Amino acid sequence: MKKRRIAIIAFVLVAVLTLGIGYAALADELTITGSAGALADNSKTVYDEDIYFTKAVMNTENGNASIVGEDKDSATMTVLAGAVKAPGDQVIATFTIKSDSDLPSQLVIRDNIAVTDATPDNGIDDTQYFKVFTNWSGAQTLAANETIDIVVTVQLVKTPVQDVSCNFTLTLDAATAVQ
């Protein structure tokens, strides 16, 4: 019986050692190392594509507002001749700007709205007959993944004695609100 007990104990010890060695042989260690970088020039390109016009609507049939180009960074507003007849008459267009960026943006009207004489050879300064303005004052915040509207108004301010016309340019600068 004593030999049998020694054999059982020896067998159990061998089994425990075998299991211990077996588990040790099956152990493994995993490691991940790496690095990352981003180029500001690439981000600028993506940001340029993330801020764009999505809609242009005019309040009357006496003109047209639309988005120009595939990149949707330009829009146009055309008021038909005769749409404004008396001082105070105005035509309004609403332009919707969308952000697909994950960052908030600040939109600022660059300088003033440039109004120029479309027919300088008629001998008068046509720009004195028109006022072009927006509903914005100062910088506007465009939240990430949101839209904002800018309303552009063209108003006749003086009764014309002959045909007059003007061109205008409104430039918006968009920059990330987070630096």
Protein backbone atom coordinates (compact mmCIF):
# COMPACT_ATOMS: atom_id res chain seq x y z
CA MET A 1 0.00 0.00 0.00
CA LYS A 2 2.91 2.29 0.77
CA LYS A 3 4.28 1.76 -2.74
CA ARG A 4 0.91 2.52 -4.17
CA ARG A 5 0.64 5.82 -2.23
CA ILE A 6 4.13 6.87 -3.40
CA ALA A 7 3.16 6.04 -6.97
CA ILE A 8 -0.03 8.13 -6.71
CA ILE A 9 1.82 11.07 -5.16
CA ALA A 10 4.54 10.81 -7.80
CA PHE A 11 1.90 10.70 -10.54
CA VAL A 12 0.11 13.79 -9.12
CA LEU A 13 3.42 15.70 -8.87
CA VAL A 14 4.32 14.80 -12.45
CA ALA A 15 0.84 15.88 -13.59
CA VAL A 16 1.09 19.23 -11.76
CA LEU A 17 4.57 19.88 -13.19
CA THR A 18 3.37 18.95 -16.67
CA LEU A 19 0.41 21.33 -16.40
CA GLY A 20 2.66 24.13 -15.13
CA ILE A 21 5.14 23.62 -17.94
CA GLY A 22 2.27 23.29 -20.44
CA TYR A 23 0.75 26.60 -19.39
CA ALA A 24 4.14 28.29 -19.51
CA ALA A 25 4.71 26.94 -22.98
CA LEU A 26 1.37 28.40 -24.13
CA ALA A 27 1.92 31.93 -22.72
CA ASP A 28 2.49 34.76 -25.16
CA GLU A 29 3.16 38.51 -25.05
CA LEU A 30 1.75 40.96 -27.59
CA THR A 31 3.13 44.48 -28.16
CA ILE A 32 2.05 47.30 -30.45
CA THR A 33 4.34 50.23 -31.16
CA GLY A 34 3.79 53.02 -33.61
CA SER A 35 3.71 56.70 -34.39
CA ALA A 36 1.40 59.14 -36.16
CA GLY A 37 1.62 62.51 -37.88
CA ALA A 38 -0.60 64.92 -39.79
CA LEU A 39 0.40 67.53 -42.35
CA ALA A 40 -1.18 70.97 -42.00
CA ASP A 41 -1.24 71.43 -45.79
CA ASN A 42 -3.37 68.31 -46.17
CA SER A 43 -5.72 69.53 -43.43
CA LYS A 44 -6.08 72.89 -45.19
CA THR A 45 -7.20 71.10 -48.36
CA VAL A 46 -9.77 69.07 -46.43
CA TYR A 47 -11.00 72.18 -44.57
CA ASP A 48 -11.43 74.03 -47.87
CA GLU A 49 -13.71 71.21 -49.05
CA ASP A 50 -15.63 71.17 -45.74
CA ILE A 51 -17.02 74.75 -45.89
CA TYR A 52 -19.28 75.46 -48.87
CA PHE A 53 -22.59 76.90 -50.11
CA THR A 54 -25.52 74.47 -50.12
CA LYS A 55 -28.43 76.69 -51.13
CA ALA A 56 -29.13 80.04 -52.80
CA VAL A 57 -32.69 81.40 -52.81
CA MET A 58 -34.02 84.74 -54.02
CA ASN A 59 -37.19 86.29 -52.59
CA THR A 60 -38.55 87.31 -55.98
CA GLU A 61 -38.76 86.18 -59.58
CA ASN A 62 -37.02 89.41 -60.59
CA GLY A 63 -33.62 87.85 -60.30
CA ASN A 64 -31.63 84.76 -59.68
CA ALA A 65 -29.40 83.38 -56.93
CA SER A 66 -27.35 80.26 -57.51
CA ILE A 67 -24.26 78.31 -56.52
CA VAL A 68 -21.39 78.36 -59.02
CA GLY A 69 -18.80 75.66 -59.68
CA GLU A 70 -18.21 72.14 -58.52
CA ASP A 71 -16.41 73.11 -55.31
CA LYS A 72 -19.44 75.22 -54.27
CA ASP A 73 -17.22 78.00 -52.88
CA SER A 74 -18.87 80.65 -55.08
CA ALA A 75 -22.40 81.90 -55.46
CA THR A 76 -24.01 84.59 -57.56
CA MET A 77 -26.94 86.98 -57.23
CA THR A 78 -28.39 88.77 -60.23
CA VAL A 79 -31.14 91.38 -59.93
CA LEU A 80 -32.91 91.91 -63.24
CA ALA A 81 -33.01 95.43 -64.67
CA GLY A 82 -36.27 97.02 -63.59
CA ALA A 83 -36.72 94.81 -60.53
CA VAL A 84 -36.13 97.81 -58.28
CA LYS A 85 -38.07 100.90 -59.40
CA ALA A 86 -38.24 103.38 -56.54
CA PRO A 87 -35.90 104.26 -53.69
CA GLY A 88 -36.27 101.70 -50.93
CA ASP A 89 -37.14 98.85 -53.30
CA GLN A 90 -34.98 95.86 -52.57
CA VAL A 91 -34.27 92.34 -53.69
CA ILE A 92 -33.10 89.79 -51.14
CA ALA A 93 -31.23 86.52 -51.54
CA THR A 94 -30.41 84.01 -48.82
CA PHE A 95 -27.29 81.87 -49.10
CA THR A 96 -26.82 78.84 -46.85
CA ILE A 97 -23.28 77.88 -45.87
CA LYS A 98 -22.57 74.39 -44.54
CA SER A 99 -19.72 72.99 -42.51
CA ASP A 100 -18.74 69.34 -42.78
CA SER A 101 -15.76 70.06 -40.54
CA ASP A 102 -15.43 68.70 -37.02
CA LEU A 103 -14.20 72.14 -35.92
CA PRO A 104 -16.22 75.33 -35.43
CA SER A 105 -15.43 78.13 -37.89
CA GLN A 106 -15.49 81.90 -37.81
CA LEU A 107 -16.95 83.55 -40.91
CA VAL A 108 -16.04 87.18 -41.49
CA ILE A 109 -16.93 89.52 -44.34
CA ARG A 110 -13.60 90.66 -45.74
CA ASP A 111 -13.34 94.47 -45.80
CA ASN A 112 -16.53 96.02 -47.15
CA ILE A 113 -18.83 94.85 -49.91
CA ALA A 114 -17.22 96.16 -53.08
CA VAL A 115 -19.79 97.92 -55.29
CA THR A 116 -18.49 98.97 -58.71
CA ASP A 117 -19.98 100.82 -61.67
CA ALA A 118 -21.11 98.30 -64.30
CA THR A 119 -21.42 100.99 -67.01
CA PRO A 120 -18.70 103.57 -66.34
CA ASP A 121 -19.03 104.97 -69.87
CA ASN A 122 -22.51 106.45 -69.20
CA GLY A 123 -20.97 109.51 -67.53
CA ILE A 124 -22.41 108.99 -64.01
CA ASP A 125 -21.36 107.01 -60.98
CA ASP A 126 -23.93 104.20 -60.98
CA THR A 127 -22.79 103.00 -57.54
CA GLN A 128 -24.52 105.94 -55.84
CA TYR A 129 -27.90 104.42 -56.79
CA PHE A 130 -27.42 101.09 -55.01
CA LYS A 131 -26.74 99.90 -51.52
CA VAL A 132 -25.70 96.27 -50.94
CA PHE A 133 -25.69 94.92 -47.38
CA THR A 134 -26.10 91.74 -45.31
CA ASN A 135 -27.74 90.68 -42.07
CA TRP A 136 -24.33 90.07 -40.49
CA SER A 137 -22.36 92.39 -38.26
CA GLY A 138 -18.96 91.14 -37.24
CA ALA A 139 -17.77 87.55 -37.17
CA GLN A 140 -20.32 84.74 -37.25
CA THR A 141 -19.66 81.32 -35.75
CA LEU A 142 -20.46 78.31 -37.90
CA ALA A 143 -20.67 75.31 -35.58
CA ALA A 144 -19.14 71.99 -36.62
CA ASN A 145 -21.43 70.04 -38.94
CA GLU A 146 -24.04 72.83 -39.02
CA THR A 147 -25.32 75.48 -41.44
CA ILE A 148 -25.67 79.25 -41.29
CA ASP A 149 -27.53 81.71 -43.55
CA ILE A 150 -26.29 85.01 -44.88
CA VAL A 151 -28.94 87.32 -46.31
CA VAL A 152 -27.77 89.72 -49.03
CA THR A 153 -29.94 92.72 -49.87
CA VAL A 154 -29.63 94.97 -52.93
CA GLN A 155 -31.54 98.22 -52.45
CA LEU A 156 -32.21 101.12 -54.79
CA VAL A 157 -31.40 104.30 -52.84
CA LYS A 158 -31.95 107.02 -55.42
CA THR A 159 -34.32 107.51 -58.37
CA PRO A 160 -32.33 107.02 -61.56
CA VAL A 161 -32.68 109.54 -64.39
CA GLN A 162 -31.22 107.06 -66.88
CA ASP A 163 -30.39 103.37 -66.92
CA VAL A 164 -27.90 102.50 -64.18
CA SER A 165 -26.33 99.27 -63.02
CA CYS A 166 -23.66 98.06 -60.66
CA ASN A 167 -21.63 94.99 -59.83
CA PHE A 168 -20.84 93.91 -56.30
CA THR A 169 -18.51 91.48 -54.59
CA LEU A 170 -18.87 90.14 -51.08
CA THR A 171 -15.98 87.98 -49.88
CA LEU A 172 -16.25 85.78 -46.79
CA ASP A 173 -13.18 84.49 -44.99
CA ALA A 174 -13.63 81.23 -43.09
CA ALA A 175 -11.12 80.10 -40.49
CA THR A 176 -11.22 77.53 -37.75
CA ALA A 177 -12.36 79.01 -34.48
CA VAL A 178 -9.93 76.71 -32.64
CA GLN A 179 -6.25 77.37 -33.22
